[in-house]
């Protein structure tokens, strides 16, 4: 299943940032901190902020428990 469809299946609007963050998490089987995710993605997504990463992870976590 593509990331876009995966996010939709959890009723999460698949923005460019959310797709990139989910792709990062799926590709890295570690427990990365917000700084690691941000640093890995900020060159490709200049509008990305640490707040966006934090809020996206919080959203993913909340959807995990409600679906």
C-alpha atoms as a PDB file:
ATOM      1  CA  UNK A   1       0.000   0.000   0.000  1.00  0.00           C
ATOM      2  CA  UNK A   2       1.343   3.419  -0.895  1.00  0.00           C
ATOM      3  CA  UNK A   3       1.918   5.929   1.876  1.00  0.00           C
ATOM      4  CA  UNK A   4      -0.770   8.217   0.472  1.00  0.00           C
ATOM      5  CA  UNK A   5      -3.386   5.460   0.660  1.00  0.00           C
ATOM      6  CA  UNK A   6      -2.114   4.294   4.044  1.00  0.00           C
ATOM      7  CA  UNK A   7      -2.649   7.744   5.543  1.00  0.00           C
ATOM      8  CA  UNK A   8      -6.100   8.014   3.982  1.00  0.00           C
ATOM      9  CA  UNK A   9      -7.031   4.656   5.500  1.00  0.00           C
ATOM     10  CA  UNK A  10      -6.478   6.283   8.913  1.00  0.00           C
ATOM     11  CA  UNK A  11      -8.407   9.410   7.909  1.00  0.00           C
ATOM     12  CA  UNK A  12      -5.217  11.484   7.852  1.00  0.00           C
ATOM     13  CA  UNK A  13      -4.978  14.104   5.112  1.00  0.00           C
ATOM     14  CA  UNK A  14      -1.831  13.110   3.175  1.00  0.00           C
ATOM     15  CA  UNK A  15       0.183  16.333   2.871  1.00  0.00           C
ATOM     16  CA  UNK A  16       3.662  16.420   1.371  1.00  0.00           C
ATOM     17  CA  UNK A  17       5.157  16.706   4.868  1.00  0.00           C
ATOM     18  CA  UNK A  18       3.091  13.860   6.336  1.00  0.00           C
ATOM     19  CA  UNK A  19       3.923  11.547   3.447  1.00  0.00           C
ATOM     20  CA  UNK A  20       7.650  12.328   3.775  1.00  0.00           C
ATOM     21  CA  UNK A  21       7.622  11.775   7.536  1.00  0.00           C
ATOM     22  CA  UNK A  22       5.744   8.478   7.208  1.00  0.00           C
ATOM     23  CA  UNK A  23       8.112   7.342   4.442  1.00  0.00           C
ATOM     24  CA  UNK A  24      11.049   8.178   6.701  1.00  0.00           C
ATOM     25  CA  UNK A  25       9.567   6.187   9.585  1.00  0.00           C
ATOM     26  CA  UNK A  26       8.875   3.195   7.358  1.00  0.00           C
ATOM     27  CA  UNK A  27      12.404   3.251   5.943  1.00  0.00           C
ATOM     28  CA  UNK A  28      14.193   3.627   9.292  1.00  0.00           C
ATOM     29  CA  UNK A  29      13.419   0.905  11.787  1.00  0.00           C
ATOM     30  CA  UNK A  30      14.908   2.885  14.668  1.00  0.00           C
ATOM     31  CA  UNK A  31      13.271   5.193  17.181  1.00  0.00           C
ATOM     32  CA  UNK A  32      14.323   8.562  15.707  1.00  0.00           C
ATOM     33  CA  UNK A  33      13.937  11.804  17.568  1.00  0.00           C
ATOM     34  CA  UNK A  34      12.269  14.841  16.033  1.00  0.00           C
ATOM     35  CA  UNK A  35      15.663  16.410  15.256  1.00  0.00           C
ATOM     36  CA  UNK A  36      16.769  13.317  13.296  1.00  0.00           C
ATOM     37  CA  UNK A  37      13.628  13.294  11.184  1.00  0.00           C
ATOM     38  CA  UNK A  38      13.784  17.045  10.648  1.00  0.00           C
ATOM     39  CA  UNK A  39      17.459  17.004   9.611  1.00  0.00           C
ATOM     40  CA  UNK A  40      16.875  14.110   7.215  1.00  0.00           C
ATOM     41  CA  UNK A  41      13.996  15.867   5.451  1.00  0.00           C
ATOM     42  CA  UNK A  42      14.625  19.630   5.699  1.00  0.00           C
ATOM     43  CA  UNK A  43      16.843  19.848   2.597  1.00  0.00           C
ATOM     44  CA  UNK A  44      14.141  18.258   0.435  1.00  0.00           C
ATOM     45  CA  UNK A  45      11.261  20.129   2.115  1.00  0.00           C
ATOM     46  CA  UNK A  46      12.483  23.661   2.947  1.00  0.00           C
ATOM     47  CA  UNK A  47       9.122  24.621   4.475  1.00  0.00           C
ATOM     48  CA  UNK A  48       9.326  21.790   7.020  1.00  0.00           C
ATOM     49  CA  UNK A  49       9.640  22.831  10.657  1.00  0.00           C
ATOM     50  CA  UNK A  50      10.353  20.881  13.813  1.00  0.00           C
ATOM     51  CA  UNK A  51       6.866  21.841  14.966  1.00  0.00           C
ATOM     52  CA  UNK A  52       5.401  20.166  11.883  1.00  0.00           C
ATOM     53  CA  UNK A  53       7.391  17.008  12.595  1.00  0.00           C
ATOM     54  CA  UNK A  54       6.271  17.028  16.235  1.00  0.00           C
ATOM     55  CA  UNK A  55       2.607  17.626  15.364  1.00  0.00           C
ATOM     56  CA  UNK A  56       2.658  14.976  12.646  1.00  0.00           C
ATOM     57  CA  UNK A  57       4.117  12.363  14.990  1.00  0.00           C
ATOM     58  CA  UNK A  58       1.505  13.312  17.580  1.00  0.00           C
ATOM     59  CA  UNK A  59      -1.214  12.920  14.945  1.00  0.00           C
ATOM     60  CA  UNK A  60       0.126   9.537  13.856  1.00  0.00           C
ATOM     61  CA  UNK A  61       0.208   8.377  17.457  1.00  0.00           C
ATOM     62  CA  UNK A  62      -3.348   9.515  18.181  1.00  0.00           C
ATOM     63  CA  UNK A  63      -4.677   7.831  15.025  1.00  0.00           C
ATOM     64  CA  UNK A  64      -2.902   4.611  15.989  1.00  0.00           C
ATOM     65  CA  UNK A  65      -5.046   4.356  19.105  1.00  0.00           C
ATOM     66  CA  UNK A  66      -8.350   5.471  17.612  1.00  0.00           C
ATOM     67  CA  UNK A  67      -8.460   3.273  14.513  1.00  0.00           C
END
